[in-house]
Structures are given as structure tokens and as C-alpha cells.
PDB file of N, CA and C in Angstrom:
ATOM      1  N   MET A   1      60.677-113.051   4.205  1.00  0.00           N
ATOM      2  CA  MET A   1      59.166-113.185   4.360  1.00  0.00           C
ATOM      3  C   MET A   1      58.597-111.606   4.058  1.00  0.00           C
ATOM      4  N   LYS A   2      57.304-111.751   3.141  1.00  0.00           N
ATOM      5  CA  LYS A   2      57.007-110.461   2.862  1.00  0.00           C
ATOM      6  C   LYS A   2      55.904-109.727   3.815  1.00  0.00           C
ATOM      7  N   ASN A   3      56.063-108.689   3.697  1.00  0.00           N
ATOM      8  CA  ASN A   3      55.193-107.706   4.634  1.00  0.00           C
ATOM      9  C   ASN A   3      53.773-107.727   4.444  1.00  0.00           C
ATOM     10  N   PRO A   4      52.587-108.243   5.053  1.00  0.00           N
ATOM     11  CA  PRO A   4      51.305-108.334   4.445  1.00  0.00           C
ATOM     12  C   PRO A   4      50.737-107.027   4.547  1.00  0.00           C
ATOM     13  N   PHE A   5      51.128-106.098   5.609  1.00  0.00           N
ATOM     14  CA  PHE A   5      50.481-104.715   5.716  1.00  0.00           C
ATOM     15  C   PHE A   5      51.004-103.841   4.468  1.00  0.00           C
ATOM     16  N   ARG A   6      51.999-104.301   3.684  1.00  0.00           N
ATOM     17  CA  ARG A   6      52.918-103.474   2.541  1.00  0.00           C
ATOM     18  C   ARG A   6      51.905-103.911   1.599  1.00  0.00           C
ATOM     19  N   ALA A   7      51.421-105.376   1.369  1.00  0.00           N
ATOM     20  CA  ALA A   7      50.505-105.678   0.178  1.00  0.00           C
ATOM     21  C   ALA A   7      49.094-105.194   0.241  1.00  0.00           C
ATOM     22  N   ILE A   8      48.609-105.018   1.541  1.00  0.00           N
ATOM     23  CA  ILE A   8      47.095-104.667   2.034  1.00  0.00           C
ATOM     24  C   ILE A   8      47.258-102.711   1.701  1.00  0.00           C
ATOM     25  N   ARG A   9      48.123-102.026   1.889  1.00  0.00           N
ATOM     26  CA  ARG A   9      48.437-100.841   1.627  1.00  0.00           C
ATOM     27  C   ARG A   9      48.487-100.650   0.107  1.00  0.00           C
ATOM     28  N   LEU A  10      49.461-101.225  -0.685  1.00  0.00           N
ATOM     29  CA  LEU A  10      49.244-100.981  -2.143  1.00  0.00           C
ATOM     30  C   LEU A  10      48.015-101.672  -2.712  1.00  0.00           C
ATOM     31  N   PHE A  11      47.302-102.447  -2.015  1.00  0.00           N
ATOM     32  CA  PHE A  11      46.055-103.192  -2.621  1.00  0.00           C
ATOM     33  C   PHE A  11      44.913-101.658  -2.477  1.00  0.00           C
ATOM     34  N   ALA A  12      44.896-101.054  -1.277  1.00  0.00           N
ATOM     35  CA  ALA A  12      44.046-100.365  -1.268  1.00  0.00           C
ATOM     36  C   ALA A  12      44.274 -98.804  -1.975  1.00  0.00           C
ATOM     37  N   GLY A  13      45.526 -98.834  -1.954  1.00  0.00           N
ATOM     38  CA  GLY A  13      46.116 -97.587  -2.982  1.00  0.00           C
ATOM     39  C   GLY A  13      45.558 -97.953  -4.437  1.00  0.00           C
ATOM     40  N   GLU A  14      45.393 -98.970  -4.922  1.00  0.00           N
ATOM     41  CA  GLU A  14      45.073 -99.175  -6.352  1.00  0.00           C
ATOM     42  C   GLU A  14      43.421 -99.145  -6.437  1.00  0.00           C
ATOM     43  N   ILE A  15      43.004 -99.579  -5.393  1.00  0.00           N
ATOM     44  CA  ILE A  15      41.516 -99.073  -5.111  1.00  0.00           C
ATOM     45  C   ILE A  15      41.182 -98.013  -5.282  1.00  0.00           C
ATOM     46  N   TYR A  16      41.795 -97.162  -4.458  1.00  0.00           N
ATOM     47  CA  TYR A  16      41.651 -95.595  -4.588  1.00  0.00           C
ATOM     48  C   TYR A  16      41.767 -94.858  -5.593  1.00  0.00           C
ATOM     49  N   ALA A  17      42.764 -95.410  -6.420  1.00  0.00           N
ATOM     50  CA  ALA A  17      43.015 -95.079  -7.854  1.00  0.00           C
ATOM     51  C   ALA A  17      41.878 -95.041  -8.733  1.00  0.00           C
ATOM     52  N   GLU A  18      41.594 -96.367  -8.647  1.00  0.00           N
ATOM     53  CA  GLU A  18      40.393 -96.816  -9.619  1.00  0.00           C
ATOM     54  C   GLU A  18      39.078 -96.341  -9.303  1.00  0.00           C
ATOM     55  N   LEU A  19      38.957 -96.055  -8.029  1.00  0.00           N
ATOM     56  CA  LEU A  19      37.423 -95.305  -7.834  1.00  0.00           C
ATOM     57  C   LEU A  19      37.542 -93.683  -8.297  1.00  0.00           C
ATOM     58  N   LEU A  20      38.834 -93.074  -8.560  1.00  0.00           N
ATOM     59  CA  LEU A  20      38.783 -91.861  -8.734  1.00  0.00           C
ATOM     60  C   LEU A  20      38.646 -91.967 -10.154  1.00  0.00           C
ATOM     61  N   LYS A  21      38.940 -92.692 -10.830  1.00  0.00           N
ATOM     62  CA  LYS A  21      38.751 -92.926 -12.584  1.00  0.00           C
ATOM     63  C   LYS A  21      37.105 -93.149 -12.713  1.00  0.00           C
ATOM     64  N   ALA A  22      36.145 -93.695 -11.785  1.00  0.00           N
ATOM     65  CA  ALA A  22      35.061 -94.195 -12.019  1.00  0.00           C
ATOM     66  C   ALA A  22      34.112 -92.731 -12.094  1.00  0.00           C
ATOM     67  N   SER A  23      32.960 -93.225 -12.983  1.00  0.00           N
ATOM     68  CA  SER A  23      32.283 -91.842 -13.224  1.00  0.00           C
ATOM     69  C   SER A  23      31.072 -92.150 -12.135  1.00  0.00           C
ATOM     70  N   TRP A  24      30.704 -91.323 -11.645  1.00  0.00           N
ATOM     71  CA  TRP A  24      29.854 -90.997 -10.387  1.00  0.00           C
ATOM     72  C   TRP A  24      28.529 -90.751 -10.820  1.00  0.00           C
ATOM     73  N   PRO A  25      27.322 -90.945 -10.418  1.00  0.00           N
ATOM     74  CA  PRO A  25      26.096 -90.532 -11.050  1.00  0.00           C
ATOM     75  C   PRO A  25      25.929 -89.295 -10.031  1.00  0.00           C
ATOM     76  N   THR A  26      25.016 -87.950 -10.775  1.00  0.00           N
ATOM     77  CA  THR A  26      24.779 -86.938  -9.820  1.00  0.00           C
ATOM     78  C   THR A  26      23.718 -87.437  -8.879  1.00  0.00           C
ATOM     79  N   ARG A  27      23.412 -86.387  -7.901  1.00  0.00           N
ATOM     80  CA  ARG A  27      22.052 -86.814  -7.217  1.00  0.00           C
ATOM     81  C   ARG A  27      20.924 -87.162  -8.081  1.00  0.00           C
ATOM     82  N   GLN A  28      20.625 -86.285  -8.783  1.00  0.00           N
ATOM     83  CA  GLN A  28      19.077 -86.109  -9.758  1.00  0.00           C
ATOM     84  C   GLN A  28      19.280 -87.774 -10.414  1.00  0.00           C
ATOM     85  N   GLU A  29      20.111 -88.177 -10.894  1.00  0.00           N
ATOM     86  CA  GLU A  29      20.443 -89.313 -11.336  1.00  0.00           C
ATOM     87  C   GLU A  29      20.111 -90.517 -10.738  1.00  0.00           C
ATOM     88  N   LEU A  30      20.894 -90.522  -9.661  1.00  0.00           N
ATOM     89  CA  LEU A  30      20.467 -91.614  -8.529  1.00  0.00           C
ATOM     90  C   LEU A  30      19.214 -91.624  -8.157  1.00  0.00           C
ATOM     91  N   TRP A  31      18.533 -90.842  -7.820  1.00  0.00           N
ATOM     92  CA  TRP A  31      17.185 -90.276  -7.562  1.00  0.00           C
ATOM     93  C   TRP A  31      16.197 -91.026  -8.659  1.00  0.00           C
ATOM     94  N   ASP A  32      16.562 -90.487  -9.871  1.00  0.00           N
ATOM     95  CA  ASP A  32      15.751 -90.981 -10.848  1.00  0.00           C
ATOM     96  C   ASP A  32      15.737 -92.915 -11.161  1.00  0.00           C
ATOM     97  N   SER A  33      17.141 -92.902 -10.980  1.00  0.00           N
ATOM     98  CA  SER A  33      17.317 -94.634 -10.996  1.00  0.00           C
ATOM     99  C   SER A  33      16.773 -95.449  -9.950  1.00  0.00           C
ATOM    100  N   THR A  34      16.626 -95.005  -9.118  1.00  0.00           N
ATOM    101  CA  THR A  34      16.170 -95.068  -7.699  1.00  0.00           C
ATOM    102  C   THR A  34      14.701 -95.552  -7.775  1.00  0.00           C
ATOM    103  N   VAL A  35      13.954 -94.658  -8.380  1.00  0.00           N
ATOM    104  CA  VAL A  35      12.613 -94.818  -8.884  1.00  0.00           C
ATOM    105  C   VAL A  35      12.196 -95.692  -9.642  1.00  0.00           C
ATOM    106  N   VAL A  36      12.919 -95.451 -10.802  1.00  0.00           N
ATOM    107  CA  VAL A  36      12.911 -96.844 -11.669  1.00  0.00           C
ATOM    108  C   VAL A  36      12.869 -97.935 -11.221  1.00  0.00           C
ATOM    109  N   VAL A  37      13.841 -98.515 -10.336  1.00  0.00           N
ATOM    110  CA  VAL A  37      14.049 -99.748 -10.003  1.00  0.00           C
ATOM    111  C   VAL A  37      12.906 -99.966  -8.946  1.00  0.00           C
ATOM    112  N   ILE A  38      12.241 -98.932  -8.200  1.00  0.00           N
ATOM    113  CA  ILE A  38      11.170 -99.306  -6.982  1.00  0.00           C
ATOM    114  C   ILE A  38      10.205 -99.783  -8.123  1.00  0.00           C
ATOM    115  N   ALA A  39       9.510 -98.613  -8.891  1.00  0.00           N
ATOM    116  CA  ALA A  39       8.645 -98.755  -9.681  1.00  0.00           C
ATOM    117  C   ALA A  39       8.698-100.124 -10.464  1.00  0.00           C
ATOM    118  N   ALA A  40       9.804-100.783 -11.104  1.00  0.00           N
ATOM    119  CA  ALA A  40      10.046-101.956 -11.764  1.00  0.00           C
ATOM    120  C   ALA A  40       9.513-103.130 -10.840  1.00  0.00           C
ATOM    121  N   SER A  41      10.300-102.803  -9.983  1.00  0.00           N
ATOM    122  CA  SER A  41      10.261-104.078  -8.537  1.00  0.00           C
ATOM    123  C   SER A  41       8.920-104.106  -8.242  1.00  0.00           C
ATOM    124  N   LEU A  42       8.004-103.186  -7.931  1.00  0.00           N
ATOM    125  CA  LEU A  42       6.494-103.040  -7.577  1.00  0.00           C
ATOM    126  C   LEU A  42       5.857-103.770  -8.904  1.00  0.00           C
ATOM    127  N   LEU A  43       5.808-103.593 -10.107  1.00  0.00           N
ATOM    128  CA  LEU A  43       5.052-103.873 -11.188  1.00  0.00           C
ATOM    129  C   LEU A  43       5.575-105.530 -11.409  1.00  0.00           C
ATOM    130  N   LEU A  44       6.813-105.667 -11.143  1.00  0.00           N
ATOM    131  CA  LEU A  44       7.062-107.102 -11.531  1.00  0.00           C
ATOM    132  C   LEU A  44       6.523-108.245 -10.380  1.00  0.00           C
ATOM    133  N   GLY A  45       6.418-107.583  -9.037  1.00  0.00           N
ATOM    134  CA  GLY A  45       5.675-108.189  -8.024  1.00  0.00           C
ATOM    135  C   GLY A  45       4.051-108.164  -8.395  1.00  0.00           C
ATOM    136  N   LEU A  46       3.598-107.243  -8.602  1.00  0.00           N
ATOM    137  CA  LEU A  46       2.435-107.420  -9.002  1.00  0.00           C
ATOM    138  C   LEU A  46       1.870-108.200  -9.880  1.00  0.00           C
ATOM    139  N   PHE A  47       2.888-108.011 -11.213  1.00  0.00           N
ATOM    140  CA  PHE A  47       2.734-109.356 -12.175  1.00  0.00           C
ATOM    141  C   PHE A  47       2.630-110.950 -11.736  1.00  0.00           C
ATOM    142  N   THR A  48       3.824-110.920 -11.121  1.00  0.00           N
ATOM    143  CA  THR A  48       3.889-112.306 -10.247  1.00  0.00           C
ATOM    144  C   THR A  48       2.887-112.675  -9.557  1.00  0.00           C
ATOM    145  N   SER A  49       2.192-111.570  -8.598  1.00  0.00           N
ATOM    146  CA  SER A  49       1.518-112.249  -7.952  1.00  0.00           C
ATOM    147  C   SER A  49      -0.076-112.816  -8.652  1.00  0.00           C
ATOM    148  N   ILE A  50      -0.330-111.885  -9.645  1.00  0.00           N
ATOM    149  CA  ILE A  50      -1.336-112.036 -10.532  1.00  0.00           C
ATOM    150  C   ILE A  50      -1.360-113.375 -11.153  1.00  0.00           C
ATOM    151  N   SER A  51      -0.250-113.432 -11.645  1.00  0.00           N
ATOM    152  CA  SER A  51      -0.110-114.664 -12.397  1.00  0.00           C
ATOM    153  C   SER A  51      -0.358-116.064 -11.588  1.00  0.00           C
ATOM    154  N   ASP A  52       0.168-115.525 -10.331  1.00  0.00           N
ATOM    155  CA  ASP A  52       0.285-116.669  -9.480  1.00  0.00           C
ATOM    156  C   ASP A  52      -0.955-117.242  -8.910  1.00  0.00           C
ATOM    157  N   PHE A  53      -1.919-116.233  -8.470  1.00  0.00           N
ATOM    158  CA  PHE A  53      -3.301-116.372  -8.442  1.00  0.00           C
ATOM    159  C   PHE A  53      -3.769-116.938  -9.329  1.00  0.00           C
ATOM    160  N   ALA A  54      -3.884-116.568 -10.487  1.00  0.00           N
ATOM    161  CA  ALA A  54      -4.348-116.889 -11.721  1.00  0.00           C
ATOM    162  C   ALA A  54      -4.179-118.586 -12.036  1.00  0.00           C
ATOM    163  N   LEU A  55      -2.742-118.893 -12.040  1.00  0.00           N
ATOM    164  CA  LEU A  55      -2.401-120.065 -12.183  1.00  0.00           C
ATOM    165  C   LEU A  55      -2.667-121.238 -11.279  1.00  0.00           C
ATOM    166  N   TYR A  56      -2.833-120.795  -9.718  1.00  0.00           N
ATOM    167  CA  TYR A  56      -3.614-121.533  -8.638  1.00  0.00           C
ATOM    168  C   TYR A  56      -4.674-121.813  -8.943  1.00  0.00           C
ATOM    169  N   ASN A  57      -5.601-120.708  -9.265  1.00  0.00           N
ATOM    170  CA  ASN A  57      -6.995-120.815  -9.519  1.00  0.00           C
ATOM    171  C   ASN A  57      -7.348-122.084 -10.683  1.00  0.00           C
ATOM    172  N   PHE A  58      -6.611-121.775 -11.900  1.00  0.00           N
ATOM    173  CA  PHE A  58      -6.645-122.842 -12.880  1.00  0.00           C
ATOM    174  C   PHE A  58      -6.570-124.101 -12.357  1.00  0.00           C
ATOM    175  N   VAL A  59      -5.242-124.573 -11.674  1.00  0.00           N
ATOM    176  CA  VAL A  59      -4.955-125.674 -11.413  1.00  0.00           C
ATOM    177  C   VAL A  59      -5.858-126.314 -10.643  1.00  0.00           C
ATOM    178  N   ASP A  60      -6.528-125.541  -9.612  1.00  0.00           N
ATOM    179  CA  ASP A  60      -7.224-126.006  -8.763  1.00  0.00           C
ATOM    180  C   ASP A  60      -8.476-126.427  -9.446  1.00  0.00           C
ATOM    181  N   THR A  61      -8.963-125.623 -10.404  1.00  0.00           N
ATOM    182  CA  THR A  61     -10.403-125.838 -11.050  1.00  0.00           C
ATOM    183  C   THR A  61     -10.091-126.985 -11.959  1.00  0.00           C
ATOM    184  N   VAL A  62      -9.035-127.455 -12.889  1.00  0.00           N
ATOM    185  CA  VAL A  62      -8.936-128.503 -13.348  1.00  0.00           C
ATOM    186  C   VAL A  62      -8.575-129.822 -12.362  1.00  0.00           C
ATOM    187  N   THR A  63      -8.062-129.371 -11.040  1.00  0.00           N
ATOM    188  CA  THR A  63      -7.872-130.600 -10.470  1.00  0.00           C
ATOM    189  C   THR A  63      -9.460-130.945  -9.850  1.00  0.00           C
ATOM    190  N   ALA A  64     -10.032-130.230  -9.610  1.00  0.00           N
ATOM    191  CA  ALA A  64     -11.496-130.136  -9.103  1.00  0.00           C
ATOM    192  C   ALA A  64     -12.418-131.051 -10.138  1.00  0.00           C
ATOM    193  N   LEU A  65     -12.136-130.703 -11.414  1.00  0.00           N
ATOM    194  CA  LEU A  65     -12.887-131.428 -12.458  1.00  0.00           C
ATOM    195  C   LEU A  65     -12.480-132.627 -12.946  1.00  0.00           C
ATOM    196  N   VAL A  66     -11.249-133.271 -12.912  1.00  0.00           N
ATOM    197  CA  VAL A  66     -10.715-134.176 -13.066  1.00  0.00           C
ATOM    198  C   VAL A  66     -10.878-135.394 -11.578  1.00  0.00           C
ATOM    199  N   ALA A  67     -11.355-134.825 -10.476  1.00  0.00           N
ATOM    200  CA  ALA A  67     -11.381-135.468  -9.118  1.00  0.00           C
ATOM    201  C   ALA A  67     -12.619-136.101  -9.194  1.00  0.00           C
ATOM    202  N   ARG A  68     -13.504-135.432  -9.913  1.00  0.00           N
ATOM    203  CA  ARG A  68     -15.297-136.072 -10.151  1.00  0.00           C
ATOM    204  C   ARG A  68     -15.431-137.092 -10.483  1.00  0.00           C
TER     205      ARG A  68
END
């Protein structure tokens, strides 16, 4: 029977080796990326809210005209 702890240890070692090969962002790059993501999320949320409000009012108006 295989030792499961050896497989886990080997797997963890391989993960560690791969993480050492990775290119990690500097603190400034991370901060800049975070600001861009937050700004894009806010803009997308604003656009979605305005679009939803406009579409709701359009459908409500058309429905009211048809219901007469």
C-alpha cells in the first residue's frame, strides 16, 4: 500500500517549486491593479444601474400605453 503522506509531501514540494518560478507583482503594481479593478467595478455597476432604470421606465411606459 502506498504511503499517502509521501504523495502529499511530493505534491506540496512541486507546488512550492512552481511558486518560486512565478513572477510576482511589486507592491506598486498590485496597488495600481487594485485601483483599476475597483474603478472598473464601480463604472460597470453605475452603467448597469442606469441601464436597468432606463429599461424599467421604458417597459413601464410602453405597458401603460398598451393597457389603455
